[in-house]
N, C-alpha and C. Protein backbone atom coordinates (compact mmCIF):
# COMPACT_ATOMS: atom_id res chain seq x y z
N MET A 1 -40.31 -74.93 -49.00
CA MET A 1 -39.17 -74.42 -49.76
C MET A 1 -38.62 -75.54 -50.65
N ARG A 2 -38.36 -75.22 -51.87
CA ARG A 2 -37.87 -76.20 -52.82
C ARG A 2 -36.36 -76.40 -52.65
N GLN A 3 -35.95 -77.68 -52.55
CA GLN A 3 -34.53 -77.94 -52.41
C GLN A 3 -33.84 -77.80 -53.76
N THR A 4 -32.57 -77.35 -53.71
CA THR A 4 -31.79 -77.19 -54.93
C THR A 4 -30.53 -78.03 -54.83
N ALA A 5 -29.87 -78.19 -55.96
CA ALA A 5 -28.66 -79.02 -56.02
C ALA A 5 -27.65 -78.55 -54.99
N GLY A 6 -27.08 -79.52 -54.27
CA GLY A 6 -26.05 -79.19 -53.29
C GLY A 6 -26.55 -79.04 -51.88
N THR A 7 -27.87 -79.06 -51.67
CA THR A 7 -28.40 -78.82 -50.33
C THR A 7 -28.13 -79.97 -49.37
N MET A 8 -27.74 -81.13 -49.90
CA MET A 8 -27.41 -82.27 -49.04
C MET A 8 -25.90 -82.56 -49.06
N THR A 9 -25.12 -81.66 -49.60
CA THR A 9 -23.68 -81.86 -49.68
C THR A 9 -23.09 -82.04 -48.28
N GLY A 10 -22.23 -83.06 -48.14
CA GLY A 10 -21.60 -83.31 -46.86
C GLY A 10 -22.39 -84.22 -45.94
N ARG A 11 -23.58 -84.62 -46.38
CA ARG A 11 -24.42 -85.49 -45.55
C ARG A 11 -24.45 -86.90 -46.12
N THR A 12 -24.46 -87.87 -45.21
CA THR A 12 -24.51 -89.27 -45.60
C THR A 12 -25.90 -89.82 -45.32
N VAL A 13 -26.51 -90.42 -46.32
CA VAL A 13 -27.87 -90.94 -46.21
C VAL A 13 -27.85 -92.43 -46.52
N LEU A 14 -28.35 -93.24 -45.61
CA LEU A 14 -28.46 -94.68 -45.80
C LEU A 14 -29.90 -95.02 -46.15
N VAL A 15 -30.10 -95.67 -47.30
CA VAL A 15 -31.43 -96.05 -47.76
C VAL A 15 -31.48 -97.57 -47.85
N THR A 16 -32.33 -98.20 -47.03
CA THR A 16 -32.48 -99.65 -47.15
C THR A 16 -33.45 -99.96 -48.28
N GLY A 17 -33.22 -101.09 -48.95
CA GLY A 17 -34.06 -101.42 -50.09
C GLY A 17 -33.91 -100.40 -51.19
N GLY A 18 -32.65 -100.03 -51.47
CA GLY A 18 -32.40 -98.96 -52.44
C GLY A 18 -32.15 -99.44 -53.85
N THR A 19 -32.55 -100.68 -54.18
CA THR A 19 -32.25 -101.21 -55.51
C THR A 19 -33.38 -101.02 -56.51
N GLY A 20 -34.54 -100.56 -56.07
CA GLY A 20 -35.66 -100.37 -56.99
C GLY A 20 -36.75 -99.53 -56.37
N GLY A 21 -37.72 -99.16 -57.18
CA GLY A 21 -38.91 -98.45 -56.70
C GLY A 21 -38.60 -97.18 -55.95
N ILE A 22 -39.33 -96.98 -54.85
CA ILE A 22 -39.21 -95.77 -54.05
C ILE A 22 -37.80 -95.61 -53.50
N GLY A 23 -37.20 -96.74 -53.06
CA GLY A 23 -35.87 -96.66 -52.47
C GLY A 23 -34.84 -96.13 -53.44
N LYS A 24 -34.83 -96.66 -54.66
CA LYS A 24 -33.85 -96.21 -55.65
C LYS A 24 -34.13 -94.77 -56.07
N ALA A 25 -35.39 -94.43 -56.25
CA ALA A 25 -35.73 -93.06 -56.63
C ALA A 25 -35.29 -92.08 -55.54
N THR A 26 -35.46 -92.47 -54.29
CA THR A 26 -35.03 -91.64 -53.16
C THR A 26 -33.52 -91.46 -53.19
N ALA A 27 -32.80 -92.56 -53.40
CA ALA A 27 -31.34 -92.50 -53.41
C ALA A 27 -30.83 -91.63 -54.56
N VAL A 28 -31.40 -91.80 -55.74
CA VAL A 28 -30.99 -90.98 -56.88
C VAL A 28 -31.28 -89.51 -56.62
N GLY A 29 -32.47 -89.23 -56.09
CA GLY A 29 -32.84 -87.85 -55.81
C GLY A 29 -31.91 -87.19 -54.81
N LEU A 30 -31.57 -87.91 -53.75
CA LEU A 30 -30.68 -87.37 -52.73
C LEU A 30 -29.26 -87.18 -53.28
N ALA A 31 -28.85 -88.11 -54.14
CA ALA A 31 -27.52 -87.98 -54.74
C ALA A 31 -27.42 -86.72 -55.59
N THR A 32 -28.48 -86.42 -56.32
CA THR A 32 -28.45 -85.22 -57.17
C THR A 32 -28.42 -83.94 -56.32
N LEU A 33 -28.83 -84.06 -55.05
CA LEU A 33 -28.77 -82.92 -54.13
C LEU A 33 -27.42 -82.84 -53.42
N GLY A 34 -26.52 -83.77 -53.77
CA GLY A 34 -25.18 -83.70 -53.22
C GLY A 34 -24.87 -84.67 -52.10
N ALA A 35 -25.85 -85.50 -51.70
CA ALA A 35 -25.62 -86.42 -50.58
C ALA A 35 -24.69 -87.55 -50.97
N HIS A 36 -23.96 -88.03 -49.99
CA HIS A 36 -23.24 -89.30 -50.10
C HIS A 36 -24.26 -90.37 -49.73
N VAL A 37 -24.63 -91.21 -50.69
CA VAL A 37 -25.70 -92.18 -50.50
C VAL A 37 -25.12 -93.57 -50.25
N ALA A 38 -25.74 -94.29 -49.35
CA ALA A 38 -25.43 -95.70 -49.14
C ALA A 38 -26.74 -96.47 -49.29
N ILE A 39 -26.71 -97.56 -50.04
CA ILE A 39 -27.93 -98.34 -50.26
C ILE A 39 -27.70 -99.79 -49.85
N THR A 40 -28.78 -100.43 -49.43
CA THR A 40 -28.74 -101.87 -49.17
C THR A 40 -29.63 -102.58 -50.17
N GLY A 41 -29.24 -103.80 -50.49
CA GLY A 41 -30.04 -104.63 -51.37
C GLY A 41 -29.83 -106.09 -51.03
N ARG A 42 -30.77 -106.92 -51.41
CA ARG A 42 -30.67 -108.35 -51.12
C ARG A 42 -29.82 -109.08 -52.16
N ASP A 43 -29.81 -108.56 -53.40
CA ASP A 43 -29.10 -109.19 -54.51
C ASP A 43 -27.93 -108.31 -54.93
N ALA A 44 -26.72 -108.90 -54.99
CA ALA A 44 -25.52 -108.12 -55.30
C ALA A 44 -25.60 -107.48 -56.69
N GLY A 45 -26.11 -108.22 -57.67
CA GLY A 45 -26.20 -107.69 -59.02
C GLY A 45 -27.12 -106.48 -59.12
N ARG A 46 -28.30 -106.59 -58.53
CA ARG A 46 -29.25 -105.46 -58.54
C ARG A 46 -28.69 -104.27 -57.76
N THR A 47 -28.00 -104.57 -56.68
CA THR A 47 -27.43 -103.49 -55.87
C THR A 47 -26.37 -102.74 -56.65
N ASP A 48 -25.50 -103.47 -57.35
CA ASP A 48 -24.47 -102.82 -58.17
C ASP A 48 -25.09 -102.01 -59.31
N ALA A 49 -26.17 -102.55 -59.92
CA ALA A 49 -26.83 -101.84 -61.02
C ALA A 49 -27.45 -100.53 -60.53
N ALA A 50 -28.06 -100.58 -59.36
CA ALA A 50 -28.66 -99.36 -58.80
C ALA A 50 -27.57 -98.34 -58.47
N ALA A 51 -26.44 -98.84 -57.96
CA ALA A 51 -25.32 -97.94 -57.65
C ALA A 51 -24.81 -97.25 -58.91
N ASP A 52 -24.77 -97.99 -60.01
CA ASP A 52 -24.33 -97.40 -61.28
C ASP A 52 -25.26 -96.26 -61.71
N GLU A 53 -26.57 -96.45 -61.50
CA GLU A 53 -27.52 -95.38 -61.84
C GLU A 53 -27.30 -94.15 -60.99
N ILE A 54 -27.03 -94.39 -59.71
CA ILE A 54 -26.82 -93.27 -58.79
C ILE A 54 -25.54 -92.52 -59.18
N ARG A 55 -24.49 -93.27 -59.54
CA ARG A 55 -23.24 -92.63 -59.96
C ARG A 55 -23.44 -91.86 -61.26
N ALA A 56 -24.28 -92.41 -62.16
CA ALA A 56 -24.56 -91.73 -63.42
C ALA A 56 -25.26 -90.40 -63.19
N ALA A 57 -25.98 -90.31 -62.06
CA ALA A 57 -26.66 -89.06 -61.71
C ALA A 57 -25.72 -88.10 -61.00
N GLY A 58 -24.44 -88.52 -60.88
CA GLY A 58 -23.45 -87.64 -60.28
C GLY A 58 -23.22 -87.88 -58.80
N GLY A 59 -23.75 -88.98 -58.27
CA GLY A 59 -23.67 -89.21 -56.84
C GLY A 59 -22.55 -90.12 -56.41
N LYS A 60 -22.16 -90.00 -55.16
CA LYS A 60 -21.23 -90.92 -54.52
C LYS A 60 -22.06 -91.94 -53.76
N VAL A 61 -21.74 -93.23 -53.93
CA VAL A 61 -22.59 -94.26 -53.34
C VAL A 61 -21.76 -95.42 -52.79
N ASP A 62 -22.18 -95.93 -51.64
CA ASP A 62 -21.65 -97.17 -51.08
C ASP A 62 -22.75 -98.21 -51.13
N THR A 63 -22.38 -99.47 -51.26
CA THR A 63 -23.37 -100.54 -51.34
C THR A 63 -23.15 -101.57 -50.24
N PHE A 64 -24.28 -102.12 -49.78
CA PHE A 64 -24.28 -103.17 -48.76
C PHE A 64 -25.27 -104.24 -49.21
N VAL A 65 -24.90 -105.49 -49.07
CA VAL A 65 -25.78 -106.58 -49.49
C VAL A 65 -26.18 -107.40 -48.26
N ALA A 66 -27.49 -107.54 -48.06
CA ALA A 66 -28.00 -108.32 -46.93
C ALA A 66 -29.47 -108.62 -47.15
N ASP A 67 -29.90 -109.76 -46.65
CA ASP A 67 -31.33 -110.12 -46.61
C ASP A 67 -31.85 -109.69 -45.25
N LEU A 68 -32.56 -108.58 -45.20
CA LEU A 68 -32.97 -108.00 -43.93
C LEU A 68 -34.12 -108.74 -43.26
N SER A 69 -34.63 -109.79 -43.89
CA SER A 69 -35.63 -110.61 -43.20
C SER A 69 -34.98 -111.51 -42.17
N ALA A 70 -33.65 -111.65 -42.24
CA ALA A 70 -32.90 -112.49 -41.30
C ALA A 70 -32.19 -111.60 -40.29
N GLN A 71 -32.48 -111.79 -39.02
CA GLN A 71 -31.92 -110.90 -38.00
C GLN A 71 -30.41 -111.00 -37.89
N THR A 72 -29.84 -112.18 -38.16
CA THR A 72 -28.38 -112.28 -38.13
C THR A 72 -27.76 -111.40 -39.22
N GLN A 73 -28.44 -111.31 -40.36
CA GLN A 73 -27.93 -110.47 -41.44
C GLN A 73 -28.13 -108.99 -41.14
N VAL A 74 -29.20 -108.64 -40.44
CA VAL A 74 -29.39 -107.25 -40.01
C VAL A 74 -28.25 -106.84 -39.09
N ARG A 75 -27.91 -107.72 -38.15
CA ARG A 75 -26.83 -107.41 -37.20
C ARG A 75 -25.48 -107.31 -37.92
N ALA A 76 -25.24 -108.23 -38.85
CA ALA A 76 -23.99 -108.18 -39.62
C ALA A 76 -23.93 -106.92 -40.47
N LEU A 77 -25.07 -106.54 -41.05
CA LEU A 77 -25.14 -105.32 -41.85
C LEU A 77 -24.81 -104.11 -40.99
N ALA A 78 -25.40 -104.03 -39.81
CA ALA A 78 -25.14 -102.90 -38.91
C ALA A 78 -23.65 -102.81 -38.59
N ASP A 79 -23.02 -103.95 -38.33
CA ASP A 79 -21.58 -103.95 -38.03
C ASP A 79 -20.78 -103.41 -39.21
N GLU A 80 -21.16 -103.83 -40.43
CA GLU A 80 -20.44 -103.37 -41.62
C GLU A 80 -20.66 -101.88 -41.85
N ILE A 81 -21.88 -101.43 -41.64
CA ILE A 81 -22.19 -100.00 -41.81
C ILE A 81 -21.36 -99.16 -40.83
N LEU A 82 -21.33 -99.59 -39.57
CA LEU A 82 -20.59 -98.83 -38.55
C LEU A 82 -19.10 -98.81 -38.86
N GLU A 83 -18.61 -99.86 -39.51
CA GLU A 83 -17.19 -99.91 -39.88
C GLU A 83 -16.89 -99.01 -41.06
N ARG A 84 -17.83 -98.93 -42.01
CA ARG A 84 -17.55 -98.21 -43.26
C ARG A 84 -18.06 -96.78 -43.30
N LEU A 85 -19.09 -96.46 -42.53
CA LEU A 85 -19.66 -95.11 -42.58
C LEU A 85 -19.36 -94.38 -41.28
N PRO A 86 -18.48 -93.40 -41.30
CA PRO A 86 -18.14 -92.68 -40.07
C PRO A 86 -19.28 -91.80 -39.55
N ARG A 87 -20.26 -91.50 -40.41
CA ARG A 87 -21.41 -90.72 -39.98
C ARG A 87 -22.64 -91.17 -40.76
N ILE A 88 -23.80 -91.00 -40.14
CA ILE A 88 -25.08 -91.24 -40.81
C ILE A 88 -25.98 -90.08 -40.44
N ASP A 89 -26.27 -89.23 -41.41
CA ASP A 89 -27.11 -88.06 -41.15
C ASP A 89 -28.59 -88.39 -41.30
N VAL A 90 -28.90 -89.32 -42.21
CA VAL A 90 -30.29 -89.73 -42.41
C VAL A 90 -30.32 -91.23 -42.63
N LEU A 91 -31.21 -91.90 -41.91
CA LEU A 91 -31.49 -93.32 -42.15
C LEU A 91 -32.89 -93.41 -42.72
N VAL A 92 -33.01 -93.94 -43.93
CA VAL A 92 -34.32 -94.14 -44.55
C VAL A 92 -34.64 -95.63 -44.52
N ASN A 93 -35.55 -96.01 -43.63
CA ASN A 93 -36.00 -97.41 -43.53
C ASN A 93 -37.06 -97.64 -44.59
N ASN A 94 -36.61 -98.10 -45.76
CA ASN A 94 -37.53 -98.25 -46.89
C ASN A 94 -37.82 -99.71 -47.23
N VAL A 95 -36.91 -100.62 -46.90
CA VAL A 95 -37.05 -102.00 -47.33
C VAL A 95 -38.39 -102.59 -46.88
N GLY A 96 -39.01 -103.39 -47.76
CA GLY A 96 -40.29 -103.98 -47.41
C GLY A 96 -40.75 -104.95 -48.49
N GLY A 97 -41.78 -105.69 -48.19
CA GLY A 97 -42.30 -106.64 -49.16
C GLY A 97 -43.72 -107.06 -48.84
N PHE A 98 -44.32 -107.72 -49.82
CA PHE A 98 -45.71 -108.20 -49.70
C PHE A 98 -45.76 -109.61 -50.28
N TRP A 99 -46.34 -110.54 -49.54
CA TRP A 99 -46.47 -111.91 -50.02
C TRP A 99 -47.90 -112.40 -49.81
N ASN A 100 -48.49 -112.96 -50.86
CA ASN A 100 -49.86 -113.48 -50.75
C ASN A 100 -49.93 -114.73 -49.90
N THR A 101 -48.85 -115.51 -49.89
CA THR A 101 -48.82 -116.73 -49.09
C THR A 101 -47.82 -116.56 -47.95
N ARG A 102 -48.02 -117.31 -46.90
CA ARG A 102 -47.19 -117.17 -45.71
C ARG A 102 -45.83 -117.81 -45.91
N HIS A 103 -44.78 -117.07 -45.57
CA HIS A 103 -43.41 -117.56 -45.62
C HIS A 103 -42.78 -117.39 -44.24
N VAL A 104 -41.88 -118.29 -43.90
CA VAL A 104 -41.20 -118.22 -42.62
C VAL A 104 -39.71 -117.98 -42.86
N THR A 105 -39.12 -117.08 -42.10
CA THR A 105 -37.71 -116.73 -42.26
C THR A 105 -36.82 -117.75 -41.56
N ALA A 106 -35.52 -117.55 -41.70
CA ALA A 106 -34.54 -118.42 -41.03
C ALA A 106 -34.67 -118.36 -39.52
N ASP A 107 -35.28 -117.28 -39.02
CA ASP A 107 -35.48 -117.13 -37.57
C ASP A 107 -36.80 -117.72 -37.11
N GLY A 108 -37.57 -118.30 -38.05
CA GLY A 108 -38.87 -118.85 -37.69
C GLY A 108 -39.96 -117.81 -37.57
N LEU A 109 -39.76 -116.65 -38.19
CA LEU A 109 -40.73 -115.56 -38.11
C LEU A 109 -41.46 -115.41 -39.44
N GLU A 110 -42.69 -114.91 -39.37
CA GLU A 110 -43.46 -114.62 -40.58
C GLU A 110 -42.73 -113.51 -41.34
N ARG A 111 -42.48 -113.73 -42.63
CA ARG A 111 -41.57 -112.87 -43.39
C ARG A 111 -42.03 -111.42 -43.49
N THR A 112 -43.31 -111.17 -43.69
CA THR A 112 -43.77 -109.78 -43.84
C THR A 112 -43.46 -108.97 -42.59
N PHE A 113 -43.78 -109.54 -41.43
CA PHE A 113 -43.53 -108.84 -40.17
C PHE A 113 -42.03 -108.70 -39.92
N ALA A 114 -41.28 -109.76 -40.25
CA ALA A 114 -39.84 -109.74 -40.02
C ALA A 114 -39.15 -108.67 -40.87
N LEU A 115 -39.51 -108.60 -42.15
CA LEU A 115 -38.85 -107.66 -43.05
C LEU A 115 -39.37 -106.24 -42.90
N ASN A 116 -40.68 -106.09 -42.84
CA ASN A 116 -41.28 -104.76 -42.87
C ASN A 116 -41.17 -104.03 -41.54
N HIS A 117 -41.21 -104.77 -40.44
CA HIS A 117 -41.17 -104.11 -39.13
C HIS A 117 -39.93 -104.44 -38.31
N LEU A 118 -39.66 -105.72 -38.10
CA LEU A 118 -38.57 -106.07 -37.20
C LEU A 118 -37.22 -105.62 -37.74
N ALA A 119 -37.02 -105.69 -39.06
CA ALA A 119 -35.75 -105.26 -39.65
C ALA A 119 -35.46 -103.78 -39.38
N PRO A 120 -36.38 -102.86 -39.72
CA PRO A 120 -36.09 -101.45 -39.42
C PRO A 120 -36.00 -101.17 -37.92
N PHE A 121 -36.80 -101.88 -37.12
CA PHE A 121 -36.74 -101.70 -35.67
C PHE A 121 -35.34 -102.05 -35.16
N LEU A 122 -34.83 -103.21 -35.57
CA LEU A 122 -33.53 -103.67 -35.10
C LEU A 122 -32.41 -102.81 -35.67
N LEU A 123 -32.44 -102.55 -36.97
CA LEU A 123 -31.37 -101.78 -37.59
C LEU A 123 -31.27 -100.38 -37.00
N THR A 124 -32.41 -99.73 -36.82
CA THR A 124 -32.41 -98.38 -36.24
C THR A 124 -31.76 -98.37 -34.87
N ASN A 125 -32.13 -99.32 -34.05
CA ASN A 125 -31.56 -99.36 -32.70
C ASN A 125 -30.07 -99.67 -32.71
N LEU A 126 -29.63 -100.49 -33.65
CA LEU A 126 -28.21 -100.81 -33.74
C LEU A 126 -27.38 -99.62 -34.25
N LEU A 127 -28.02 -98.72 -35.01
CA LEU A 127 -27.31 -97.57 -35.58
C LEU A 127 -27.57 -96.28 -34.81
N LEU A 128 -28.35 -96.35 -33.76
CA LEU A 128 -28.82 -95.13 -33.09
C LEU A 128 -27.67 -94.31 -32.52
N ASP A 129 -26.67 -94.97 -31.94
CA ASP A 129 -25.53 -94.21 -31.40
C ASP A 129 -24.81 -93.44 -32.49
N ARG A 130 -24.63 -94.06 -33.65
CA ARG A 130 -23.95 -93.37 -34.75
C ARG A 130 -24.79 -92.18 -35.24
N LEU A 131 -26.10 -92.36 -35.30
CA LEU A 131 -26.99 -91.26 -35.68
C LEU A 131 -26.87 -90.11 -34.68
N GLN A 132 -26.83 -90.43 -33.41
CA GLN A 132 -26.73 -89.39 -32.39
C GLN A 132 -25.38 -88.69 -32.45
N GLN A 133 -24.34 -89.42 -32.80
CA GLN A 133 -23.02 -88.82 -32.96
C GLN A 133 -22.97 -87.90 -34.18
N SER A 134 -23.84 -88.17 -35.17
CA SER A 134 -23.85 -87.40 -36.41
C SER A 134 -24.85 -86.26 -36.38
N ALA A 135 -25.53 -86.07 -35.28
CA ALA A 135 -26.64 -85.12 -35.18
C ALA A 135 -26.21 -83.72 -35.62
N ALA A 136 -27.19 -82.97 -36.16
CA ALA A 136 -28.62 -83.29 -36.23
C ALA A 136 -28.89 -84.33 -37.32
N ALA A 137 -29.57 -85.40 -36.92
CA ALA A 137 -29.82 -86.51 -37.83
C ALA A 137 -31.31 -86.83 -37.84
N ARG A 138 -31.68 -87.70 -38.78
CA ARG A 138 -33.10 -88.01 -38.94
C ARG A 138 -33.28 -89.48 -39.30
N VAL A 139 -34.33 -90.08 -38.74
CA VAL A 139 -34.76 -91.43 -39.11
C VAL A 139 -36.09 -91.30 -39.81
N VAL A 140 -36.18 -91.78 -41.04
CA VAL A 140 -37.42 -91.75 -41.81
C VAL A 140 -37.81 -93.19 -42.11
N THR A 141 -38.96 -93.60 -41.64
CA THR A 141 -39.45 -94.95 -41.88
C THR A 141 -40.61 -94.89 -42.86
N VAL A 142 -40.47 -95.59 -43.98
CA VAL A 142 -41.50 -95.55 -45.02
C VAL A 142 -42.63 -96.51 -44.65
N SER A 143 -43.78 -95.94 -44.39
CA SER A 143 -44.96 -96.73 -44.08
C SER A 143 -45.83 -96.78 -45.33
N SER A 144 -47.13 -96.79 -45.16
CA SER A 144 -48.05 -96.87 -46.29
C SER A 144 -49.41 -96.40 -45.83
N ASN A 145 -50.21 -95.91 -46.78
CA ASN A 145 -51.59 -95.60 -46.44
C ASN A 145 -52.33 -96.82 -45.92
N ALA A 146 -51.81 -98.01 -46.23
CA ALA A 146 -52.43 -99.25 -45.76
C ALA A 146 -52.39 -99.38 -44.25
N GLN A 147 -51.53 -98.60 -43.58
CA GLN A 147 -51.47 -98.67 -42.12
C GLN A 147 -52.81 -98.32 -41.48
N SER A 148 -53.62 -97.50 -42.18
CA SER A 148 -54.93 -97.12 -41.62
C SER A 148 -55.88 -98.30 -41.56
N LEU A 149 -55.59 -99.35 -42.32
CA LEU A 149 -56.41 -100.56 -42.31
C LEU A 149 -55.84 -101.63 -41.39
N GLY A 150 -54.69 -101.34 -40.79
CA GLY A 150 -53.99 -102.33 -40.00
C GLY A 150 -54.53 -102.49 -38.59
N ARG A 151 -54.30 -103.68 -38.05
CA ARG A 151 -54.61 -103.97 -36.65
C ARG A 151 -53.56 -104.94 -36.15
N ILE A 152 -52.96 -104.63 -35.01
CA ILE A 152 -51.95 -105.51 -34.45
C ILE A 152 -52.65 -106.66 -33.73
N ASP A 153 -52.54 -107.85 -34.27
CA ASP A 153 -53.18 -109.03 -33.68
C ASP A 153 -52.17 -109.75 -32.79
N PHE A 154 -52.13 -109.36 -31.53
CA PHE A 154 -51.14 -109.92 -30.63
C PHE A 154 -51.40 -111.41 -30.35
N ASP A 155 -52.61 -111.87 -30.60
CA ASP A 155 -52.90 -113.29 -30.39
C ASP A 155 -52.46 -114.15 -31.57
N ASP A 156 -52.18 -113.51 -32.71
CA ASP A 156 -51.72 -114.26 -33.88
C ASP A 156 -50.76 -113.37 -34.68
N LEU A 157 -49.74 -112.86 -34.01
CA LEU A 157 -48.84 -111.87 -34.59
C LEU A 157 -48.12 -112.41 -35.82
N GLN A 158 -47.85 -113.72 -35.83
CA GLN A 158 -47.11 -114.33 -36.93
C GLN A 158 -48.01 -114.97 -37.99
N GLY A 159 -49.31 -114.76 -37.88
CA GLY A 159 -50.24 -115.30 -38.88
C GLY A 159 -50.24 -116.81 -38.94
N GLU A 160 -50.01 -117.47 -37.80
CA GLU A 160 -49.95 -118.93 -37.79
C GLU A 160 -51.35 -119.56 -37.87
N ARG A 161 -52.33 -118.93 -37.24
CA ARG A 161 -53.69 -119.48 -37.25
C ARG A 161 -54.42 -119.14 -38.54
N SER A 162 -54.25 -117.90 -38.97
CA SER A 162 -54.96 -117.43 -40.17
C SER A 162 -54.08 -116.40 -40.87
N TYR A 163 -53.80 -116.63 -42.15
CA TYR A 163 -52.91 -115.71 -42.86
C TYR A 163 -53.60 -115.06 -44.05
N SER A 164 -53.38 -113.76 -44.17
CA SER A 164 -53.80 -113.00 -45.34
C SER A 164 -52.65 -112.07 -45.68
N GLY A 165 -52.23 -112.05 -46.94
CA GLY A 165 -51.14 -111.17 -47.34
C GLY A 165 -51.44 -109.71 -47.04
N ALA A 166 -52.66 -109.28 -47.37
CA ALA A 166 -53.03 -107.89 -47.13
C ALA A 166 -53.06 -107.57 -45.64
N ARG A 167 -53.61 -108.49 -44.85
CA ARG A 167 -53.69 -108.25 -43.40
C ARG A 167 -52.30 -108.18 -42.78
N ALA A 168 -51.40 -109.07 -43.22
CA ALA A 168 -50.04 -109.06 -42.70
C ALA A 168 -49.32 -107.77 -43.08
N TYR A 169 -49.52 -107.33 -44.32
CA TYR A 169 -48.88 -106.11 -44.77
C TYR A 169 -49.41 -104.89 -44.01
N ASN A 170 -50.73 -104.80 -43.89
CA ASN A 170 -51.33 -103.67 -43.18
C ASN A 170 -50.86 -103.61 -41.74
N GLN A 171 -50.76 -104.78 -41.10
CA GLN A 171 -50.30 -104.85 -39.72
C GLN A 171 -48.86 -104.35 -39.61
N SER A 172 -48.02 -104.76 -40.56
CA SER A 172 -46.61 -104.36 -40.50
C SER A 172 -46.45 -102.87 -40.71
N LYS A 173 -47.28 -102.29 -41.57
CA LYS A 173 -47.18 -100.85 -41.81
C LYS A 173 -47.70 -100.04 -40.63
N LEU A 174 -48.71 -100.56 -39.94
CA LEU A 174 -49.16 -99.90 -38.72
C LEU A 174 -48.06 -99.99 -37.66
N ALA A 175 -47.39 -101.13 -37.59
CA ALA A 175 -46.28 -101.29 -36.65
C ALA A 175 -45.18 -100.28 -36.94
N ASN A 176 -44.92 -99.98 -38.22
CA ASN A 176 -43.94 -98.95 -38.57
C ASN A 176 -44.30 -97.61 -37.95
N VAL A 177 -45.56 -97.25 -38.05
CA VAL A 177 -46.01 -95.95 -37.53
C VAL A 177 -45.90 -95.92 -36.00
N LEU A 178 -46.34 -96.99 -35.35
CA LEU A 178 -46.29 -97.03 -33.89
C LEU A 178 -44.84 -96.99 -33.41
N PHE A 179 -43.96 -97.70 -34.12
CA PHE A 179 -42.54 -97.66 -33.79
C PHE A 179 -41.99 -96.24 -33.91
N THR A 180 -42.38 -95.55 -34.97
CA THR A 180 -41.89 -94.19 -35.18
C THR A 180 -42.37 -93.25 -34.09
N TYR A 181 -43.63 -93.37 -33.68
CA TYR A 181 -44.15 -92.53 -32.60
C TYR A 181 -43.35 -92.75 -31.32
N GLU A 182 -43.09 -94.01 -31.00
CA GLU A 182 -42.35 -94.33 -29.78
C GLU A 182 -40.90 -93.84 -29.87
N LEU A 183 -40.29 -94.02 -31.05
CA LEU A 183 -38.92 -93.56 -31.24
C LEU A 183 -38.82 -92.05 -31.12
N ALA A 184 -39.79 -91.34 -31.70
CA ALA A 184 -39.80 -89.88 -31.61
C ALA A 184 -39.89 -89.43 -30.16
N THR A 185 -40.70 -90.13 -29.37
CA THR A 185 -40.82 -89.80 -27.95
C THR A 185 -39.50 -90.05 -27.23
N LYS A 186 -38.88 -91.18 -27.53
CA LYS A 186 -37.60 -91.54 -26.92
C LYS A 186 -36.51 -90.53 -27.24
N LEU A 187 -36.57 -89.94 -28.45
CA LEU A 187 -35.52 -89.04 -28.91
C LEU A 187 -35.79 -87.58 -28.57
N GLN A 188 -36.89 -87.31 -27.89
CA GLN A 188 -37.17 -85.93 -27.49
C GLN A 188 -36.02 -85.39 -26.64
N GLY A 189 -35.61 -84.17 -26.94
CA GLY A 189 -34.51 -83.58 -26.20
C GLY A 189 -33.15 -83.86 -26.82
N THR A 190 -33.13 -84.70 -27.87
CA THR A 190 -31.89 -84.94 -28.60
C THR A 190 -31.98 -84.22 -29.94
N SER A 191 -30.91 -84.30 -30.72
CA SER A 191 -30.94 -83.65 -32.04
C SER A 191 -31.18 -84.67 -33.15
N VAL A 192 -31.81 -85.79 -32.80
CA VAL A 192 -32.23 -86.77 -33.79
C VAL A 192 -33.75 -86.80 -33.81
N THR A 193 -34.34 -86.72 -35.00
CA THR A 193 -35.79 -86.76 -35.13
C THR A 193 -36.21 -88.02 -35.85
N ALA A 194 -37.44 -88.43 -35.62
CA ALA A 194 -37.99 -89.64 -36.26
C ALA A 194 -39.31 -89.29 -36.92
N ASN A 195 -39.47 -89.69 -38.17
CA ASN A 195 -40.69 -89.43 -38.93
C ASN A 195 -41.09 -90.67 -39.71
N ALA A 196 -42.38 -90.81 -39.96
CA ALA A 196 -42.90 -91.87 -40.83
C ALA A 196 -43.49 -91.21 -42.07
N SER A 197 -43.22 -91.77 -43.23
CA SER A 197 -43.79 -91.24 -44.47
C SER A 197 -44.68 -92.31 -45.08
N SER A 198 -45.75 -91.87 -45.71
CA SER A 198 -46.70 -92.80 -46.32
C SER A 198 -46.39 -93.01 -47.78
N SER A 199 -46.64 -94.21 -48.23
CA SER A 199 -46.45 -94.57 -49.64
C SER A 199 -47.62 -95.41 -50.08
N ARG A 200 -48.00 -95.31 -51.34
CA ARG A 200 -49.08 -96.12 -51.87
C ARG A 200 -48.56 -97.46 -52.41
N SER A 201 -47.24 -97.60 -52.46
CA SER A 201 -46.66 -98.82 -53.03
C SER A 201 -46.64 -99.94 -52.00
N CYS A 202 -46.91 -101.16 -52.41
CA CYS A 202 -46.82 -102.29 -51.50
C CYS A 202 -46.02 -103.43 -52.11
N GLY A 203 -45.23 -103.14 -53.14
CA GLY A 203 -44.42 -104.17 -53.76
C GLY A 203 -43.11 -104.37 -53.02
N PRO A 204 -42.43 -105.49 -53.28
CA PRO A 204 -41.18 -105.74 -52.60
C PRO A 204 -40.10 -104.78 -53.01
N SER A 205 -39.19 -104.47 -52.08
CA SER A 205 -38.11 -103.54 -52.38
C SER A 205 -36.82 -104.05 -51.79
């Protein structure tokens, strides 16, 4: 069934990595359907610019600025979201990135795994009570067709022995899918559902 304008009226949707690409397009699309959209971005200027586009499309939008590769910032972001958003009907875990060379975060973690998997894992769990209070709610985690090429290397999870940008990305996207399967199982019997969506994009968001 095709959605029409107003079908998301009264619902609050949080989109991480909503300053460009798929995230921004998702936020704009949901805003035109009547949703109250909240977006996160790493850069304040880009986040404000994306918010202006969403408002130009007729949407109501809140903005949050955080580098989700850092777990302290994920936790601070969750606290701010819980303070400012009384309900969350949909959480779209979209933020992600791809790096050809290995980078280490402030937590000492390989950046691709930290941003693409650990950030949505942590943020979802920190917001889960609010989602359950807002039910029926939904968690959508944006994965990639690259997950089919992924393998979780538990002996070198952080790519310390051998690093490949593509291998790290594929692993993180497979981790997204496995996380979603486990979350869906955990949420059985509740009015919160968990889904993973595939994307062909692998650029930073």
